[in-house]
C-alpha cells in the first residue's frame, strides 16, 4: 500500500509570515534578511517588522516571504533554525 501523500494547507505561490526570535544584536536583522534573500530573491528589508522584548534582551522579527513551494519553506526554516543567532522560528 503506498504511503499517503501529505497535502499542503498552503497554496503556492503565496505570501507567508515567519517570526524569527534571537538575542538582541546589532547585526541580527541584517543577518536574517541576507539569509532570507537566498531563499526568496524578491525579499527586502522593508518587509521586516521588528519588536524588541520588554527587557531588551531579545529581538523578534516578523518577515513575510514569497513562498513558492513547501521545499523552499522547509529549507528556509532549517537554515534559520540552525543559525547561531536564532533562538526559535515560528
C-alpha atoms as a PDB file:
ATOM      1  CA  UNK A   1       0.000   0.000   0.000  1.00  0.00           C
ATOM      2  CA  UNK A   2       1.540   3.363  -0.993  1.00  0.00           C
ATOM      3  CA  UNK A   3       2.274   5.958   1.665  1.00  0.00           C
ATOM      4  CA  UNK A   4      -0.343   8.706   1.812  1.00  0.00           C
ATOM      5  CA  UNK A   5       0.756  11.968   0.276  1.00  0.00           C
ATOM      6  CA  UNK A   6       0.763  14.955   2.543  1.00  0.00           C
ATOM      7  CA  UNK A   7      -1.469  17.702   1.284  1.00  0.00           C
ATOM      8  CA  UNK A   8      -0.304  21.212   1.921  1.00  0.00           C
ATOM      9  CA  UNK A   9      -2.612  23.681   3.597  1.00  0.00           C
ATOM     10  CA  UNK A  10      -0.731  26.455   1.828  1.00  0.00           C
ATOM     11  CA  UNK A  11      -1.418  27.412  -1.757  1.00  0.00           C
ATOM     12  CA  UNK A  12       1.729  28.277  -3.679  1.00  0.00           C
ATOM     13  CA  UNK A  13       2.862  30.845  -4.501  1.00  0.00           C
ATOM     14  CA  UNK A  14       1.718  32.931  -1.532  1.00  0.00           C
ATOM     15  CA  UNK A  15       2.961  35.451   0.993  1.00  0.00           C
ATOM     16  CA  UNK A  16       3.919  33.596   4.174  1.00  0.00           C
ATOM     17  CA  UNK A  17       4.753  35.250   7.519  1.00  0.00           C
ATOM     18  CA  UNK A  18       7.580  33.837   9.635  1.00  0.00           C
ATOM     19  CA  UNK A  19       8.607  35.000  13.106  1.00  0.00           C
ATOM     20  CA  UNK A  20      12.303  34.784  13.953  1.00  0.00           C
ATOM     21  CA  UNK A  21      13.480  35.467  17.514  1.00  0.00           C
ATOM     22  CA  UNK A  22      17.074  35.961  18.586  1.00  0.00           C
ATOM     23  CA  UNK A  23      19.295  37.666  21.103  1.00  0.00           C
ATOM     24  CA  UNK A  24      19.423  41.447  20.633  1.00  0.00           C
ATOM     25  CA  UNK A  25      22.466  42.125  18.443  1.00  0.00           C
ATOM     26  CA  UNK A  26      23.356  44.931  16.027  1.00  0.00           C
ATOM     27  CA  UNK A  27      23.695  42.536  13.083  1.00  0.00           C
ATOM     28  CA  UNK A  28      20.753  40.217  13.840  1.00  0.00           C
ATOM     29  CA  UNK A  29      18.212  41.806  11.480  1.00  0.00           C
ATOM     30  CA  UNK A  30      20.710  42.204   8.614  1.00  0.00           C
ATOM     31  CA  UNK A  31      21.898  38.624   9.014  1.00  0.00           C
ATOM     32  CA  UNK A  32      18.335  37.286   8.859  1.00  0.00           C
ATOM     33  CA  UNK A  33      17.445  39.463   5.838  1.00  0.00           C
ATOM     34  CA  UNK A  34      20.531  38.181   3.997  1.00  0.00           C
ATOM     35  CA  UNK A  35      19.620  34.573   4.797  1.00  0.00           C
ATOM     36  CA  UNK A  36      16.034  35.022   3.620  1.00  0.00           C
ATOM     37  CA  UNK A  37      17.039  36.610   0.312  1.00  0.00           C
ATOM     38  CA  UNK A  38      18.935  33.404  -0.509  1.00  0.00           C
ATOM     39  CA  UNK A  39      15.576  31.591  -0.496  1.00  0.00           C
ATOM     40  CA  UNK A  40      13.360  34.460  -1.681  1.00  0.00           C
ATOM     41  CA  UNK A  41      15.211  36.827  -4.041  1.00  0.00           C
ATOM     42  CA  UNK A  42      12.219  39.218  -4.011  1.00  0.00           C
ATOM     43  CA  UNK A  43      12.537  39.754  -0.243  1.00  0.00           C
ATOM     44  CA  UNK A  44      13.755  43.123   1.024  1.00  0.00           C
ATOM     45  CA  UNK A  45      14.312  44.752   4.415  1.00  0.00           C
ATOM     46  CA  UNK A  46      11.098  46.767   4.057  1.00  0.00           C
ATOM     47  CA  UNK A  47       9.174  43.541   4.678  1.00  0.00           C
ATOM     48  CA  UNK A  48      10.572  43.177   8.211  1.00  0.00           C
ATOM     49  CA  UNK A  49       8.687  44.115  11.363  1.00  0.00           C
ATOM     50  CA  UNK A  50      10.956  44.397  14.433  1.00  0.00           C
ATOM     51  CA  UNK A  51       9.890  44.204  18.038  1.00  0.00           C
ATOM     52  CA  UNK A  52      12.282  44.133  20.999  1.00  0.00           C
ATOM     53  CA  UNK A  53      11.345  42.168  24.111  1.00  0.00           C
ATOM     54  CA  UNK A  54      10.198  44.118  27.167  1.00  0.00           C
ATOM     55  CA  UNK A  55      13.602  43.662  28.841  1.00  0.00           C
ATOM     56  CA  UNK A  56      15.503  44.393  25.614  1.00  0.00           C
ATOM     57  CA  UNK A  57      17.308  41.044  25.625  1.00  0.00           C
ATOM     58  CA  UNK A  58      15.606  39.600  22.518  1.00  0.00           C
ATOM     59  CA  UNK A  59      14.536  40.885  19.136  1.00  0.00           C
ATOM     60  CA  UNK A  60      11.560  39.428  17.310  1.00  0.00           C
ATOM     61  CA  UNK A  61      11.407  39.792  13.531  1.00  0.00           C
ATOM     62  CA  UNK A  62       8.265  39.095  11.565  1.00  0.00           C
ATOM     63  CA  UNK A  63       9.167  38.584   7.925  1.00  0.00           C
ATOM     64  CA  UNK A  64       6.823  37.896   5.036  1.00  0.00           C
ATOM     65  CA  UNK A  65       8.391  35.735   2.354  1.00  0.00           C
ATOM     66  CA  UNK A  66       7.034  34.793  -1.049  1.00  0.00           C
ATOM     67  CA  UNK A  67       6.602  31.047  -0.628  1.00  0.00           C
ATOM     68  CA  UNK A  68       6.857  29.172  -3.907  1.00  0.00           C
ATOM     69  CA  UNK A  69       6.973  25.599  -2.569  1.00  0.00           C
ATOM     70  CA  UNK A  70       6.960  23.513   0.575  1.00  0.00           C
ATOM     71  CA  UNK A  71      10.575  22.581  -0.119  1.00  0.00           C
ATOM     72  CA  UNK A  72      11.565  26.273  -0.169  1.00  0.00           C
ATOM     73  CA  UNK A  73       9.838  26.907   3.184  1.00  0.00           C
ATOM     74  CA  UNK A  74      11.303  23.760   4.769  1.00  0.00           C
ATOM     75  CA  UNK A  75      14.809  24.723   3.658  1.00  0.00           C
ATOM     76  CA  UNK A  76      14.358  28.287   4.904  1.00  0.00           C
ATOM     77  CA  UNK A  77      13.074  27.092   8.305  1.00  0.00           C
ATOM     78  CA  UNK A  78      16.040  24.708   8.641  1.00  0.00           C
ATOM     79  CA  UNK A  79      18.535  27.425   7.743  1.00  0.00           C
ATOM     80  CA  UNK A  80      17.019  29.942  10.145  1.00  0.00           C
ATOM     81  CA  UNK A  81      16.624  27.444  12.993  1.00  0.00           C
ATOM     82  CA  UNK A  82      20.221  26.303  12.622  1.00  0.00           C
ATOM     83  CA  UNK A  83      21.744  29.778  12.774  1.00  0.00           C
ATOM     84  CA  UNK A  84      23.658  30.553  15.968  1.00  0.00           C
ATOM     85  CA  UNK A  85      21.924  33.918  16.482  1.00  0.00           C
ATOM     86  CA  UNK A  86      18.396  32.473  16.277  1.00  0.00           C
ATOM     87  CA  UNK A  87      16.616  31.226  19.402  1.00  0.00           C
ATOM     88  CA  UNK A  88      13.479  29.975  17.624  1.00  0.00           C
ATOM     89  CA  UNK A  89      11.418  30.267  14.446  1.00  0.00           C
ATOM     90  CA  UNK A  90       7.620  30.218  14.239  1.00  0.00           C
END
